[in-house]
Amino acid sequence: MNRSEPTFIIQSRNGSTRLPNKVTKKFFDEKSILETLIMRLTEAFPYNKIIVATNS
């Protein structure tokens, strides 16, 4: 039986008024929040798809 693995969709918006481009700013260990999230998801779920939805 084939089991469908879940796909992760990360919504990434750069249009914040209080902190513009916050998703791509360096945050932890010289990586952005987006990079950190993708890295952690890839480590925890190596065979799942990750889709990044952006506003541009």
PDB file of N, CA and C in Angstrom:
ATOM      1  N   MET A   1       0.836  -1.177   0.000  1.00  0.00           N
ATOM      2  CA  MET A   1       0.000   0.000   0.000  1.00  0.00           C
ATOM      3  C   MET A   1       0.888   1.251   0.000  1.00  0.00           C
ATOM      4  N   ASN A   2       0.618   2.182  -0.905  1.00  0.00           N
ATOM      5  CA  ASN A   2       1.361   3.442  -0.979  1.00  0.00           C
ATOM      6  C   ASN A   2       0.801   4.435   0.018  1.00  0.00           C
ATOM      7  N   ARG A   3       1.673   4.974   0.831  1.00  0.00           N
ATOM      8  CA  ARG A   3       1.247   5.985   1.794  1.00  0.00           C
ATOM      9  C   ARG A   3       1.713   7.349   1.305  1.00  0.00           C
ATOM     10  N   SER A   4       0.812   8.268   1.206  1.00  0.00           N
ATOM     11  CA  SER A   4       1.151   9.612   0.745  1.00  0.00           C
ATOM     12  C   SER A   4       1.812  10.393   1.879  1.00  0.00           C
ATOM     13  N   GLU A   5       2.982  10.914   1.599  1.00  0.00           N
ATOM     14  CA  GLU A   5       3.701  11.718   2.590  1.00  0.00           C
ATOM     15  C   GLU A   5       3.173  13.149   2.542  1.00  0.00           C
ATOM     16  N   PRO A   6       3.066  13.800   3.682  1.00  0.00           N
ATOM     17  CA  PRO A   6       2.574  15.184   3.679  1.00  0.00           C
ATOM     18  C   PRO A   6       3.567  16.141   3.031  1.00  0.00           C
ATOM     19  N   THR A   7       3.033  17.185   2.456  1.00  0.00           N
ATOM     20  CA  THR A   7       3.831  18.249   1.872  1.00  0.00           C
ATOM     21  C   THR A   7       3.726  19.458   2.784  1.00  0.00           C
ATOM     22  N   PHE A   8       4.853  20.100   3.050  1.00  0.00           N
ATOM     23  CA  PHE A   8       4.867  21.296   3.886  1.00  0.00           C
ATOM     24  C   PHE A   8       4.847  22.529   2.991  1.00  0.00           C
ATOM     25  N   ILE A   9       3.941  23.454   3.280  1.00  0.00           N
ATOM     26  CA  ILE A   9       3.879  24.719   2.547  1.00  0.00           C
ATOM     27  C   ILE A   9       4.204  25.832   3.535  1.00  0.00           C
ATOM     28  N   ILE A  10       5.277  26.567   3.228  1.00  0.00           N
ATOM     29  CA  ILE A  10       5.721  27.669   4.084  1.00  0.00           C
ATOM     30  C   ILE A  10       5.293  28.967   3.407  1.00  0.00           C
ATOM     31  N   GLN A  11       4.489  29.756   4.089  1.00  0.00           N
ATOM     32  CA  GLN A  11       4.078  31.047   3.558  1.00  0.00           C
ATOM     33  C   GLN A  11       5.121  32.084   3.962  1.00  0.00           C
ATOM     34  N   SER A  12       5.731  32.703   2.969  1.00  0.00           N
ATOM     35  CA  SER A  12       6.809  33.653   3.224  1.00  0.00           C
ATOM     36  C   SER A  12       6.470  35.005   2.615  1.00  0.00           C
ATOM     37  N   ARG A  13       6.191  35.990   3.473  1.00  0.00           N
ATOM     38  CA  ARG A  13       5.872  37.338   3.013  1.00  0.00           C
ATOM     39  C   ARG A  13       6.976  38.300   3.437  1.00  0.00           C
ATOM     40  N   ASN A  14       7.376  39.169   2.525  1.00  0.00           N
ATOM     41  CA  ASN A  14       8.385  40.179   2.849  1.00  0.00           C
ATOM     42  C   ASN A  14       7.780  41.543   3.120  1.00  0.00           C
ATOM     43  N   GLY A  15       6.472  41.685   2.997  1.00  0.00           N
ATOM     44  CA  GLY A  15       5.828  42.993   3.071  1.00  0.00           C
ATOM     45  C   GLY A  15       5.425  43.453   4.454  1.00  0.00           C
ATOM     46  N   SER A  16       6.146  43.098   5.481  1.00  0.00           N
ATOM     47  CA  SER A  16       5.806  43.542   6.824  1.00  0.00           C
ATOM     48  C   SER A  16       6.080  45.038   6.966  1.00  0.00           C
ATOM     49  N   THR A  17       5.210  45.728   7.687  1.00  0.00           N
ATOM     50  CA  THR A  17       5.437  47.167   7.890  1.00  0.00           C
ATOM     51  C   THR A  17       6.332  47.433   9.095  1.00  0.00           C
ATOM     52  N   ARG A  18       6.239  46.606  10.130  1.00  0.00           N
ATOM     53  CA  ARG A  18       7.056  46.835  11.330  1.00  0.00           C
ATOM     54  C   ARG A  18       8.497  46.355  11.142  1.00  0.00           C
ATOM     55  N   LEU A  19       8.693  45.257  10.424  1.00  0.00           N
ATOM     56  CA  LEU A  19      10.037  44.733  10.183  1.00  0.00           C
ATOM     57  C   LEU A  19      10.099  44.184   8.757  1.00  0.00           C
ATOM     58  N   PRO A  20      10.352  45.063   7.781  1.00  0.00           N
ATOM     59  CA  PRO A  20      10.389  44.631   6.381  1.00  0.00           C
ATOM     60  C   PRO A  20      11.442  43.545   6.148  1.00  0.00           C
ATOM     61  N   ASN A  21      11.099  42.604   5.283  1.00  0.00           N
ATOM     62  CA  ASN A  21      11.994  41.490   4.892  1.00  0.00           C
ATOM     63  C   ASN A  21      12.425  40.635   6.079  1.00  0.00           C
ATOM     64  N   LYS A  22      11.565  40.509   7.073  1.00  0.00           N
ATOM     65  CA  LYS A  22      11.945  39.777   8.289  1.00  0.00           C
ATOM     66  C   LYS A  22      12.251  38.312   8.022  1.00  0.00           C
ATOM     67  N   VAL A  23      11.627  37.713   7.025  1.00  0.00           N
ATOM     68  CA  VAL A  23      11.838  36.288   6.744  1.00  0.00           C
ATOM     69  C   VAL A  23      13.240  36.046   6.182  1.00  0.00           C
ATOM     70  N   THR A  24      13.811  37.030   5.504  1.00  0.00           N
ATOM     71  CA  THR A  24      15.130  36.853   4.893  1.00  0.00           C
ATOM     72  C   THR A  24      16.270  37.501   5.683  1.00  0.00           C
ATOM     73  N   LYS A  25      15.957  38.180   6.771  1.00  0.00           N
ATOM     74  CA  LYS A  25      17.023  38.768   7.611  1.00  0.00           C
ATOM     75  C   LYS A  25      17.769  37.671   8.366  1.00  0.00           C
ATOM     76  N   LYS A  26      19.040  37.889   8.592  1.00  0.00           N
ATOM     77  CA  LYS A  26      19.840  36.940   9.363  1.00  0.00           C
ATOM     78  C   LYS A  26      19.299  36.878  10.780  1.00  0.00           C
ATOM     79  N   PHE A  27      19.134  35.671  11.297  1.00  0.00           N
ATOM     80  CA  PHE A  27      18.419  35.491  12.552  1.00  0.00           C
ATOM     81  C   PHE A  27      19.195  34.624  13.528  1.00  0.00           C
ATOM     82  N   PHE A  28      19.518  33.418  13.142  1.00  0.00           N
ATOM     83  CA  PHE A  28      20.127  32.447  14.035  1.00  0.00           C
ATOM     84  C   PHE A  28      21.286  31.777  13.313  1.00  0.00           C
ATOM     85  N   ASP A  29      22.460  31.792  13.917  1.00  0.00           N
ATOM     86  CA  ASP A  29      23.636  31.135  13.330  1.00  0.00           C
ATOM     87  C   ASP A  29      23.902  31.624  11.910  1.00  0.00           C
ATOM     88  N   GLU A  30      23.707  32.941  11.702  1.00  0.00           N
ATOM     89  CA  GLU A  30      23.909  33.591  10.401  1.00  0.00           C
ATOM     90  C   GLU A  30      23.000  33.044   9.302  1.00  0.00           C
ATOM     91  N   LYS A  31      21.851  32.513   9.678  1.00  0.00           N
ATOM     92  CA  LYS A  31      20.870  32.031   8.708  1.00  0.00           C
ATOM     93  C   LYS A  31      19.571  32.797   8.927  1.00  0.00           C
ATOM     94  N   SER A  32      18.802  32.924   7.864  1.00  0.00           N
ATOM     95  CA  SER A  32      17.511  33.600   7.975  1.00  0.00           C
ATOM     96  C   SER A  32      16.489  32.671   8.631  1.00  0.00           C
ATOM     97  N   ILE A  33      15.368  33.250   9.007  1.00  0.00           N
ATOM     98  CA  ILE A  33      14.289  32.453   9.595  1.00  0.00           C
ATOM     99  C   ILE A  33      13.833  31.399   8.592  1.00  0.00           C
ATOM    100  N   LEU A  34      13.718  31.784   7.332  1.00  0.00           N
ATOM    101  CA  LEU A  34      13.285  30.847   6.294  1.00  0.00           C
ATOM    102  C   LEU A  34      14.283  29.702   6.125  1.00  0.00           C
ATOM    103  N   GLU A  35      15.578  30.028   6.064  1.00  0.00           N
ATOM    104  CA  GLU A  35      16.613  28.989   5.950  1.00  0.00           C
ATOM    105  C   GLU A  35      16.575  28.030   7.140  1.00  0.00           C
ATOM    106  N   THR A  36      16.421  28.586   8.333  1.00  0.00           N
ATOM    107  CA  THR A  36      16.380  27.771   9.543  1.00  0.00           C
ATOM    108  C   THR A  36      15.177  26.829   9.529  1.00  0.00           C
ATOM    109  N   LEU A  37      14.026  27.346   9.140  1.00  0.00           N
ATOM    110  CA  LEU A  37      12.819  26.527   9.081  1.00  0.00           C
ATOM    111  C   LEU A  37      12.954  25.408   8.054  1.00  0.00           C
ATOM    112  N   ILE A  38      13.458  25.717   6.870  1.00  0.00           N
ATOM    113  CA  ILE A  38      13.644  24.690   5.831  1.00  0.00           C
ATOM    114  C   ILE A  38      14.646  23.640   6.289  1.00  0.00           C
ATOM    115  N   MET A  39      15.745  24.065   6.899  1.00  0.00           N
ATOM    116  CA  MET A  39      16.764  23.136   7.382  1.00  0.00           C
ATOM    117  C   MET A  39      16.178  22.175   8.430  1.00  0.00           C
ATOM    118  N   ARG A  40      15.421  22.717   9.368  1.00  0.00           N
ATOM    119  CA  ARG A  40      14.844  21.874  10.430  1.00  0.00           C
ATOM    120  C   ARG A  40      13.786  20.917   9.887  1.00  0.00           C
ATOM    121  N   LEU A  41      12.966  21.385   8.962  1.00  0.00           N
ATOM    122  CA  LEU A  41      11.978  20.488   8.355  1.00  0.00           C
ATOM    123  C   LEU A  41      12.652  19.374   7.560  1.00  0.00           C
ATOM    124  N   THR A  42      13.714  19.715   6.830  1.00  0.00           N
ATOM    125  CA  THR A  42      14.438  18.722   6.036  1.00  0.00           C
ATOM    126  C   THR A  42      15.090  17.674   6.925  1.00  0.00           C
ATOM    127  N   GLU A  43      15.624  18.096   8.061  1.00  0.00           N
ATOM    128  CA  GLU A  43      16.239  17.142   8.989  1.00  0.00           C
ATOM    129  C   GLU A  43      15.196  16.221   9.621  1.00  0.00           C
ATOM    130  N   ALA A  44      14.046  16.774   9.974  1.00  0.00           N
ATOM    131  CA  ALA A  44      13.012  15.987  10.646  1.00  0.00           C
ATOM    132  C   ALA A  44      12.214  15.117   9.683  1.00  0.00           C
ATOM    133  N   PHE A  45      12.016  15.600   8.453  1.00  0.00           N
ATOM    134  CA  PHE A  45      11.212  14.889   7.454  1.00  0.00           C
ATOM    135  C   PHE A  45      11.967  14.857   6.122  1.00  0.00           C
ATOM    136  N   PRO A  46      13.000  14.026   6.003  1.00  0.00           N
ATOM    137  CA  PRO A  46      13.877  14.078   4.828  1.00  0.00           C
ATOM    138  C   PRO A  46      13.222  13.695   3.499  1.00  0.00           C
ATOM    139  N   TYR A  47      12.104  12.996   3.522  1.00  0.00           N
ATOM    140  CA  TYR A  47      11.497  12.538   2.275  1.00  0.00           C
ATOM    141  C   TYR A  47      10.249  13.320   1.890  1.00  0.00           C
ATOM    142  N   ASN A  48       9.940  14.360   2.620  1.00  0.00           N
ATOM    143  CA  ASN A  48       8.747  15.142   2.344  1.00  0.00           C
ATOM    144  C   ASN A  48       9.074  16.330   1.450  1.00  0.00           C
ATOM    145  N   LYS A  49       8.078  16.788   0.711  1.00  0.00           N
ATOM    146  CA  LYS A  49       8.248  17.968  -0.139  1.00  0.00           C
ATOM    147  C   LYS A  49       8.038  19.215   0.698  1.00  0.00           C
ATOM    148  N   ILE A  50       8.797  20.266   0.358  1.00  0.00           N
ATOM    149  CA  ILE A  50       8.650  21.569   1.007  1.00  0.00           C
ATOM    150  C   ILE A  50       8.417  22.595  -0.102  1.00  0.00           C
ATOM    151  N   ILE A  51       7.343  23.336   0.022  1.00  0.00           N
ATOM    152  CA  ILE A  51       7.009  24.374  -0.953  1.00  0.00           C
ATOM    153  C   ILE A  51       7.040  25.709  -0.226  1.00  0.00           C
ATOM    154  N   VAL A  52       7.715  26.699  -0.824  1.00  0.00           N
ATOM    155  CA  VAL A  52       7.760  28.035  -0.240  1.00  0.00           C
ATOM    156  C   VAL A  52       6.867  28.922  -1.094  1.00  0.00           C
ATOM    157  N   ALA A  53       5.808  29.448  -0.493  1.00  0.00           N
ATOM    158  CA  ALA A  53       4.878  30.347  -1.188  1.00  0.00           C
ATOM    159  C   ALA A  53       5.259  31.790  -0.836  1.00  0.00           C
ATOM    160  N   THR A  54       5.581  32.580  -1.856  1.00  0.00           N
ATOM    161  CA  THR A  54       5.994  33.959  -1.623  1.00  0.00           C
ATOM    162  C   THR A  54       4.993  34.933  -2.222  1.00  0.00           C
ATOM    163  N   ASN A  55       5.152  36.188  -1.877  1.00  0.00           N
ATOM    164  CA  ASN A  55       4.259  37.212  -2.411  1.00  0.00           C
ATOM    165  C   ASN A  55       4.867  37.937  -3.607  1.00  0.00           C
ATOM    166  N   SER A  56       6.016  37.489  -4.069  1.00  0.00           N
ATOM    167  CA  SER A  56       6.609  38.146  -5.247  1.00  0.00           C
ATOM    168  C   SER A  56       7.226  37.122  -6.175  1.00  0.00           C
TER     169      SER A  56
END
